[in-house]
Protein backbone atom coordinates (compact mmCIF):
# COMPACT_ATOMS: atom_id res chain seq x y z
CA MET A 1 121.52 -37.22 17.48
CA GLU A 2 121.18 -39.38 14.38
CA LYS A 3 117.59 -40.25 15.32
CA TRP A 4 116.75 -36.57 15.74
CA LYS A 5 118.21 -35.79 12.29
CA ARG A 6 116.11 -38.53 10.69
CA ARG A 7 112.96 -37.20 12.34
CA SER A 8 113.76 -33.65 11.27
CA LEU A 9 114.44 -34.76 7.71
CA SER A 10 111.16 -36.69 7.67
CA ARG A 11 109.27 -33.62 8.88
CA VAL A 12 110.89 -31.46 6.23
CA ARG A 13 109.90 -33.97 3.54
CA GLN A 14 106.33 -34.09 4.82
CA ILE A 15 106.01 -30.31 4.92
CA ALA A 16 107.69 -29.82 1.53
CA GLY A 17 105.63 -32.57 -0.10
CA GLY A 18 102.39 -31.25 1.34
CA ALA A 19 103.19 -27.66 0.37
CA GLY A 20 104.09 -28.71 -3.17
CA ALA A 21 100.86 -30.67 -3.58
CA LEU A 22 98.77 -27.79 -2.24
CA MET A 23 100.50 -25.34 -4.57
CA ALA A 24 99.81 -27.63 -7.54
CA THR A 25 96.16 -27.88 -6.49
CA ALA A 26 95.94 -24.10 -6.18
CA PHE A 27 97.42 -23.73 -9.68
CA ALA A 28 94.88 -26.22 -11.06
CA TRP A 29 92.10 -24.28 -9.30
CA LEU A 30 93.22 -21.04 -10.95
CA ARG A 31 93.22 -22.68 -14.39
CA LEU A 32 89.78 -24.09 -13.72
CA GLU A 33 88.42 -20.69 -12.75
CA ARG A 34 90.04 -19.14 -15.80
CA THR A 35 88.31 -21.66 -18.02
CA ALA A 36 85.00 -21.10 -16.22
CA ARG A 37 85.23 -17.34 -16.73
CA ALA A 38 86.12 -17.77 -20.39
CA ALA A 39 83.11 -20.03 -21.02
CA PRO A 40 80.13 -17.84 -20.09
CA ARG A 41 76.93 -19.40 -18.80
CA LEU A 42 73.79 -18.47 -20.73
CA ALA A 43 70.89 -17.77 -18.40
CA ALA A 44 67.31 -18.97 -18.75
CA GLY A 45 64.37 -16.63 -19.14
CA PRO A 46 62.68 -14.59 -21.88
CA VAL A 47 64.78 -12.87 -24.53
CA THR A 48 64.87 -9.08 -24.33
CA SER A 49 63.74 -7.04 -27.30
CA SER A 50 67.26 -5.63 -27.74
CA VAL A 51 68.32 -8.97 -29.22
CA PHE A 52 66.16 -8.25 -32.25
CA ALA A 53 67.13 -4.61 -32.67
CA GLU A 54 68.79 -5.60 -35.93
CA ALA A 55 67.38 -7.74 -38.69
CA GLN A 56 67.10 -11.36 -37.61
CA PRO A 57 69.72 -13.63 -39.17
CA GLN A 58 68.63 -16.43 -41.47
CA ILE A 59 69.59 -19.66 -39.74
CA ALA A 60 69.28 -23.23 -41.05
CA VAL A 61 69.44 -26.22 -38.70
CA VAL A 62 70.99 -29.57 -39.65
CA VAL A 63 70.01 -32.62 -37.55
CA PRO A 64 71.73 -35.92 -38.40
CA ALA A 65 69.56 -38.78 -37.13
CA ARG A 66 70.37 -42.47 -37.00
CA ASN A 67 67.84 -44.60 -35.10
CA GLU A 68 66.53 -41.61 -33.13
CA ALA A 69 62.80 -42.38 -33.25
CA GLU A 70 62.55 -42.02 -29.48
CA HIS A 71 63.95 -38.47 -29.40
CA LEU A 72 63.48 -36.85 -32.81
CA ALA A 73 60.03 -35.30 -32.30
CA ARG A 74 61.03 -33.63 -29.04
CA CYS A 75 64.17 -32.21 -30.65
CA VAL A 76 62.45 -30.92 -33.80
CA TRP A 77 59.59 -29.25 -31.96
CA SER A 78 62.00 -27.53 -29.58
CA LEU A 79 63.83 -26.14 -32.64
CA ALA A 80 60.64 -25.09 -34.43
CA LEU A 81 59.41 -23.17 -31.35
CA GLN A 82 62.54 -21.05 -30.96
CA THR A 83 62.10 -17.33 -30.32
CA LEU A 84 64.58 -16.83 -33.17
CA THR A 85 62.78 -19.01 -35.69
CA PRO A 86 65.03 -21.07 -38.01
CA ARG A 87 64.46 -20.56 -41.72
CA ALA A 88 64.83 -24.29 -42.37
CA ILE A 89 65.33 -27.49 -40.38
CA TRP A 90 67.04 -30.29 -42.30
CA VAL A 91 66.72 -33.78 -40.80
CA VAL A 92 69.13 -36.22 -42.43
CA ASP A 93 67.95 -39.81 -41.97
CA ASP A 94 71.25 -41.67 -41.66
CA HIS A 95 70.07 -45.13 -42.81
CA SER A 96 67.94 -45.67 -39.71
CA THR A 97 66.46 -49.10 -39.08
CA ASP A 98 63.72 -47.82 -36.75
CA ASP A 99 60.87 -45.35 -37.38
CA THR A 100 63.10 -42.26 -37.58
CA GLY A 101 62.22 -41.59 -41.23
CA ILE A 102 58.49 -42.14 -40.70
CA ILE A 103 58.44 -39.76 -37.73
CA ALA A 104 60.36 -37.14 -39.71
CA GLN A 105 57.83 -37.40 -42.55
CA ARG A 106 54.95 -36.87 -40.14
CA LEU A 107 56.69 -33.85 -38.62
CA ALA A 108 57.25 -32.39 -42.09
CA HIS A 109 53.47 -32.39 -42.67
CA ASP A 110 53.01 -30.15 -39.60
CA LEU A 111 56.09 -27.96 -39.99
CA HIS A 112 56.56 -26.22 -43.31
CA ALA A 113 60.19 -25.38 -42.48
CA LEU A 114 61.14 -29.03 -41.92
CA TYR A 115 62.83 -30.99 -44.72
CA LEU A 116 63.64 -34.70 -44.64
CA LEU A 117 66.78 -35.74 -46.49
CA PRO A 118 67.41 -39.50 -46.78
CA SER A 119 71.14 -40.15 -46.68
CA ALA A 120 72.93 -41.43 -49.76
CA PRO A 121 75.21 -44.47 -49.36
CA ARG A 122 78.25 -43.58 -47.24
CA PRO A 123 81.48 -43.30 -49.26
CA ALA A 124 84.67 -44.94 -48.05
CA GLY A 125 86.64 -42.83 -45.59
CA TRP A 126 83.64 -41.01 -44.16
CA ALA A 127 82.38 -41.36 -40.57
CA GLY A 128 78.61 -41.83 -40.49
CA LYS A 129 77.66 -38.63 -38.68
CA ASN A 130 80.09 -36.54 -40.73
CA TRP A 131 78.62 -37.84 -44.00
CA ALA A 132 75.09 -37.05 -42.79
CA LEU A 133 76.18 -33.55 -41.73
CA HIS A 134 77.90 -33.01 -45.08
CA GLN A 135 74.71 -33.74 -46.99
CA GLY A 136 72.57 -31.59 -44.70
CA MET A 137 75.00 -28.68 -44.81
CA ARG A 138 75.16 -28.73 -48.61
CA ALA A 139 71.38 -28.81 -48.87
CA ALA A 140 71.02 -25.93 -46.39
CA LEU A 141 73.68 -23.79 -48.09
CA ALA A 142 71.96 -24.17 -51.45
CA ASP A 143 69.80 -21.34 -50.10
CA GLU A 144 72.10 -18.33 -50.54
CA GLY A 145 70.12 -16.35 -47.97
CA ILE A 146 71.34 -18.56 -45.12
CA ALA A 147 73.84 -16.71 -42.92
CA TRP A 148 74.33 -19.27 -40.13
CA LEU A 149 74.10 -23.03 -39.70
CA LEU A 150 73.21 -24.78 -36.46
CA LEU A 151 74.52 -28.35 -36.23
CA THR A 152 72.76 -30.26 -33.48
CA ASP A 153 72.04 -33.85 -32.44
CA ALA A 154 68.65 -35.52 -32.61
CA ASP A 155 68.67 -36.42 -28.90
CA THR A 156 68.78 -32.80 -27.71
CA TRP A 157 66.13 -30.44 -26.38
CA HIS A 158 66.46 -26.67 -26.87
CA ALA A 159 64.78 -24.08 -24.63
CA PRO A 160 62.86 -21.47 -26.68
CA SER A 161 65.39 -18.70 -26.04
CA LEU A 162 68.56 -20.73 -26.71
CA LEU A 163 69.13 -19.94 -30.38
CA ALA A 164 68.53 -16.22 -29.86
CA ARG A 165 70.89 -16.09 -26.88
CA ALA A 166 73.55 -18.09 -28.71
CA TRP A 167 73.39 -15.83 -31.76
CA GLN A 168 73.58 -12.75 -29.52
CA LEU A 169 76.67 -14.13 -27.74
CA ALA A 170 78.35 -14.94 -31.06
CA ARG A 171 77.67 -11.41 -32.26
CA GLU A 172 78.97 -9.84 -29.02
CA THR A 173 82.18 -11.90 -28.94
CA GLY A 174 82.82 -11.78 -32.67
CA ALA A 175 82.80 -15.58 -32.81
CA ASP A 176 82.42 -17.31 -36.17
CA VAL A 177 81.78 -20.65 -34.47
CA LEU A 178 80.03 -21.08 -31.13
CA SER A 179 79.72 -24.38 -29.27
CA ILE A 180 77.28 -24.78 -26.36
CA LEU A 181 77.90 -27.24 -23.50
CA PRO A 182 74.61 -28.92 -22.46
CA HIS A 183 73.10 -30.52 -19.39
CA VAL A 184 73.38 -34.30 -19.67
CA GLU A 185 70.41 -36.39 -18.56
CA GLU A 186 72.26 -39.34 -17.05
CA ARG A 187 70.99 -41.41 -14.15
CA ASP A 188 73.22 -44.46 -14.25
CA MET A 189 76.07 -44.07 -11.73
CA GLY A 190 78.55 -46.01 -13.85
CA ALA A 191 77.84 -43.85 -16.90
CA VAL A 192 78.30 -40.69 -14.82
CA LEU A 193 81.61 -41.92 -13.41
CA LEU A 194 82.94 -42.81 -16.84
CA ARG A 195 81.94 -39.43 -18.27
CA ALA A 196 83.66 -37.61 -15.41
CA GLY A 197 86.74 -39.82 -15.58
CA VAL A 198 87.06 -39.30 -19.33
CA GLY A 199 86.75 -35.56 -18.75
CA GLU A 200 89.68 -35.65 -16.32
CA PHE A 201 91.63 -37.83 -18.74
CA TYR A 202 91.14 -35.24 -21.48
CA SER A 203 92.43 -32.48 -19.19
CA PHE A 204 95.76 -34.33 -18.90
CA PHE A 205 95.76 -35.63 -22.48
CA TYR A 206 95.48 -32.18 -24.03
CA GLY A 207 97.77 -30.71 -21.40
CA ALA A 208 98.59 -27.05 -21.88
CA GLN A 209 96.11 -26.49 -24.67
CA ASP A 210 93.75 -23.82 -23.44
CA GLY A 211 89.99 -24.24 -23.16
CA SER A 212 89.12 -20.57 -23.16
CA GLY A 213 85.81 -19.38 -24.53
CA THR A 214 87.19 -16.98 -27.13
CA ALA A 215 90.46 -18.62 -28.02
CA ARG A 216 93.11 -16.87 -30.03
CA ARG A 217 93.78 -18.31 -33.43
CA GLN A 218 97.13 -19.77 -32.37
CA THR A 219 95.61 -21.40 -29.27
CA PRO A 220 93.57 -24.55 -30.01
CA LEU A 221 90.11 -24.59 -28.44
CA VAL A 222 89.78 -27.90 -26.61
CA MET A 223 86.20 -27.76 -25.35
CA ALA A 224 83.49 -28.41 -27.89
CA ALA A 225 80.10 -30.08 -27.91
CA GLY A 226 78.57 -31.59 -31.02
CA GLN A 227 75.12 -31.17 -29.49
CA PHE A 228 75.16 -27.47 -30.50
CA ILE A 229 77.56 -25.83 -32.95
CA LEU A 230 76.46 -22.51 -34.43
CA ALA A 231 78.66 -21.52 -37.37
CA ARG A 232 78.63 -18.79 -39.97
CA ALA A 233 77.81 -20.01 -43.46
CA GLU A 234 81.21 -18.90 -44.73
CA VAL A 235 82.91 -21.18 -42.18
CA CYS A 236 81.01 -24.20 -43.50
CA ARG A 237 81.79 -23.24 -47.09
CA ALA A 238 85.48 -22.76 -46.26
CA LEU A 239 85.58 -26.25 -44.75
CA ARG A 240 83.72 -27.62 -47.80
CA CYS A 241 80.95 -28.93 -45.56
CA LEU A 242 83.41 -31.32 -43.85
CA ASP A 243 84.72 -32.60 -47.19
CA ARG A 244 88.35 -32.30 -46.14
CA ASP A 245 90.90 -34.98 -45.30
CA GLU A 246 91.03 -34.17 -41.58
CA LEU A 247 87.24 -33.98 -41.23
CA ARG A 248 85.67 -36.78 -43.28
CA GLY A 249 86.60 -39.62 -40.96
CA ALA A 250 87.05 -37.67 -37.71
CA LEU A 251 85.35 -39.53 -34.86
CA ASP A 252 85.73 -36.54 -32.54
CA ASP A 253 83.80 -34.54 -35.13
CA ASP A 254 82.93 -31.56 -32.91
CA ARG A 255 86.47 -30.76 -31.86
CA ALA A 256 87.84 -31.49 -35.33
CA PHE A 257 85.35 -29.05 -36.88
CA ILE A 258 86.25 -26.21 -34.52
CA LEU A 259 90.01 -26.76 -34.80
CA ALA A 260 89.75 -26.80 -38.60
CA ALA A 261 87.80 -23.54 -38.46
CA GLN A 262 90.49 -21.97 -36.29
CA ARG A 263 93.24 -23.12 -38.61
CA ALA A 264 91.30 -21.49 -41.45
CA GLY A 265 91.44 -18.17 -39.56
CA PHE A 266 87.99 -18.11 -37.96
CA ARG A 267 87.30 -17.27 -34.33
CA ALA A 268 85.81 -19.93 -32.02
CA ALA A 269 83.97 -19.61 -28.72
CA VAL A 270 82.31 -21.89 -26.20
CA ALA A 271 79.61 -21.29 -23.60
CA GLN A 272 77.64 -23.26 -21.04
CA ALA A 273 73.85 -23.48 -21.09
CA PRO A 274 72.71 -26.33 -18.81
CA GLN A 275 69.34 -24.65 -18.27
CA LEU A 276 68.75 -24.12 -21.99
CA LEU A 277 70.19 -27.20 -23.70
CA THR A 278 69.67 -30.80 -22.63
CA THR A 279 71.02 -33.96 -24.17
CA ARG A 280 70.24 -37.56 -23.39
CA GLY A 281 73.03 -39.33 -21.55
CA TYR A 282 73.96 -42.97 -21.74
CA PRO A 283 71.53 -45.30 -19.95
CA SER A 284 74.21 -47.73 -18.72
CA LEU A 285 77.93 -48.13 -18.23
CA ARG A 286 78.05 -50.47 -21.22
CA THR A 287 76.55 -47.96 -23.64
CA ALA A 288 78.66 -45.18 -22.12
CA TRP A 289 81.76 -47.29 -22.71
CA HIS A 290 80.99 -47.60 -26.43
CA GLY A 291 79.90 -43.98 -26.74
CA HIS A 292 82.99 -42.47 -25.12
CA ALA A 293 85.21 -44.94 -26.99
CA HIS A 294 83.80 -43.50 -30.21
CA HIS A 295 85.08 -40.00 -29.35
CA LEU A 296 88.23 -41.01 -27.50
CA ALA A 297 89.37 -43.14 -30.43
CA GLY A 298 89.32 -39.99 -32.55
CA ALA A 299 91.60 -38.20 -30.09
CA LEU A 300 94.00 -41.16 -30.05
CA ARG A 301 94.52 -40.79 -33.81
CA SER A 302 96.37 -37.50 -33.40
CA PRO A 303 100.20 -37.32 -33.70
CA GLY A 304 101.99 -38.42 -30.54
CA ALA A 305 98.70 -39.62 -29.04
CA VAL A 306 100.08 -42.90 -27.67
CA VAL A 307 102.73 -41.19 -25.55
CA ARG A 308 100.32 -38.52 -24.37
CA ALA A 309 97.64 -41.11 -23.57
CA LEU A 310 100.05 -43.15 -21.44
CA ALA A 311 101.24 -39.99 -19.67
CA ALA A 312 97.64 -38.90 -19.08
CA THR A 313 96.81 -42.32 -17.63
CA VAL A 314 99.71 -42.11 -15.19
CA ALA A 315 98.80 -38.52 -14.25
CA LEU A 316 95.14 -39.44 -13.80
CA HIS A 317 96.00 -41.93 -11.06
CA SER A 318 98.95 -40.06 -9.55
CA VAL A 319 96.56 -37.26 -8.61
CA THR A 320 94.65 -39.52 -6.21
CA LEU A 321 96.39 -42.80 -5.42
CA PRO A 322 99.49 -41.46 -3.58
CA THR A 323 97.25 -39.36 -1.36
CA LEU A 324 94.96 -42.26 -0.55
CA PHE A 325 97.91 -44.55 0.08
CA GLY A 326 99.65 -41.99 2.29
CA LEU A 327 96.49 -41.35 4.30
CA ALA A 328 95.83 -45.07 4.74
CA ARG A 329 99.44 -45.71 5.78
CA ALA A 330 99.40 -42.88 8.33
CA CYS A 331 96.16 -44.22 9.82
CA TRP A 332 97.56 -47.76 9.98
CA LEU A 333 100.79 -46.65 11.66
CA GLY A 334 98.83 -44.43 14.02
CA MET A 335 96.70 -47.35 15.19
CA ARG A 336 99.76 -49.54 15.67
CA GLY A 337 102.33 -47.16 17.13
CA GLY A 338 100.47 -44.13 18.43
CA TRP A 339 98.80 -41.18 16.78
CA ARG A 340 101.24 -38.58 18.04
CA ALA A 341 104.05 -39.73 15.77
CA GLN A 342 101.69 -39.67 12.78
CA ALA A 343 100.19 -36.23 13.43
CA LEU A 344 102.22 -34.50 10.70
CA PRO A 345 101.68 -37.18 8.00
CA LEU A 346 97.97 -37.26 8.83
CA ALA A 347 97.77 -33.49 8.55
CA ARG A 348 99.62 -33.53 5.23
CA TRP A 349 97.61 -36.26 3.52
CA SER A 350 94.30 -35.05 4.93
CA ALA A 351 94.98 -31.53 3.66
CA GLN A 352 95.86 -32.89 0.22
CA TRP A 353 92.72 -35.03 0.10
CA LEU A 354 90.49 -32.15 1.18
CA ALA A 355 92.10 -29.79 -1.33
CA MET A 356 91.67 -32.25 -4.21
CA SER A 357 88.10 -32.99 -3.17
CA ALA A 358 87.31 -29.27 -3.10
CA LEU A 359 88.84 -28.87 -6.56
CA ARG A 360 86.85 -31.80 -7.91
CA LEU A 361 83.68 -30.48 -6.30
CA ARG A 362 84.17 -27.17 -8.05
CA ALA A 363 84.84 -28.95 -11.35
CA ALA A 364 81.76 -31.12 -10.81
CA THR A 365 79.64 -28.01 -10.31
CA LEU A 366 80.96 -26.45 -13.53
CA ALA A 367 80.57 -29.70 -15.48
CA ASP A 368 77.04 -30.33 -14.18
CA LEU A 369 78.11 -33.51 -12.36
CA PRO A 370 76.62 -34.86 -9.11
CA ARG A 371 78.06 -33.52 -5.85
CA TRP A 372 79.06 -37.02 -4.80
CA TYR A 373 81.54 -37.36 -7.65
CA PRO A 374 84.69 -36.31 -5.69
CA LEU A 375 84.23 -39.30 -3.38
CA ALA A 376 83.97 -41.72 -6.30
CA ALA A 377 86.61 -40.04 -8.51
CA PRO A 378 89.19 -42.87 -8.14
CA LEU A 379 86.68 -45.30 -9.63
CA GLY A 380 85.92 -42.91 -12.50
CA ALA A 381 89.65 -42.59 -13.17
CA LEU A 382 89.93 -46.39 -13.24
CA PHE A 383 87.10 -46.64 -15.80
CA ALA A 384 88.60 -43.93 -18.01
CA SER A 385 92.14 -45.31 -17.97
CA ALA A 386 90.84 -48.82 -18.70
CA LEU A 387 88.98 -47.45 -21.72
CA ALA A 388 92.03 -45.55 -22.99
CA LEU A 389 94.33 -48.55 -22.60
CA ARG A 390 91.78 -50.81 -24.27
CA LEU A 391 91.61 -48.48 -27.26
CA LEU A 392 95.40 -48.32 -27.46
CA GLY A 393 95.50 -52.13 -27.46
CA GLN A 394 92.89 -52.21 -30.23
CA ARG A 395 94.69 -49.44 -32.14
CA GLY A 396 91.62 -47.23 -31.91
CA THR A 397 89.14 -49.67 -33.47
CA VAL A 398 85.58 -49.02 -32.26
CA VAL A 399 82.04 -50.01 -33.16
CA TRP A 400 79.42 -47.27 -32.93
CA LYS A 401 75.79 -47.39 -34.07
CA GLY A 402 76.36 -50.58 -36.00
CA ARG A 403 79.42 -49.30 -37.86
CA ARG A 404 83.03 -50.32 -37.39
CA TYR A 405 85.72 -47.64 -37.42
CA ARG A 406 89.46 -48.24 -37.47
């Protein structure tokens, strides 16, 4: 009788545990789909004439460039050939030690709308990219006819219709700031795993903060991409072209910019455009480590970040490791004592693994990650948690593009 009770209790625990895990996975799936619906995907193809039914807006582009000789020409030409032609393209040479400045000068001879702005010495308290953006934004806004600013990186490529489609979406949604999520050209497996693992880490780190595409003012917008931020001129003026305490030294500059805009009362939106916007990924795990550390260190400066980072690290592994351990244990016991007794545990852990893999596959599709990622997700989580713990041990100190930030 006692043995029967123990078996019954074990079955109840297996069923309850499996049901709870599947319900949590279903809840995560619903949140993922909600985020996907809120972040519309811009399609490729020619722009319809209805986009230009009204007078075209005057848009200036600001491109901060530090040692971007390899990518600058491709980026600038893709901006100059937009269907919605920018009024001005400002390239800020951020003390490059390669041929970035020379290439920009050559491009300026061919493109009358291109202006090269050598960066002034960086003041104390400023992050390098933010200081370059500040100078470019001020120069662009000296033209009072400018209605919008596009902030973009020098290692991006823009399809001809991107700017027109982005402006149309901002107009339709009433957004004052629009961030576009790009396709990442990344071939190194380690770099891909770290990017995906850091993405999952962020989902736990920011917790209940919503990533919706047209967030309400009281709901912080988590998703942002510094590769493409289209903002009204009045937003940039209100934020003093990043010359504010919370923006000057922000290493996670894209998210900090959008959150500051929301706190100032402006409306933010985000969209996906993997067919229209491409950015160069990291060529190796080593460079990806330093690149993601640069942004993650900024997030770890926020209030309560240490506690949230430790909780996110635990959650990141608790999603996968118990399931893998349970599945391995059931298989081991089945080989030793017979599969019949392990039928229920095997069914439970297999169902959990399949459900999580399906969820990760869906997330990988939305995030433009390889289809093999769900199988390698535990390794990506290990990379991301190691990076977060390393930064916590270093108190957020990172070196990026030859500069040391603390």
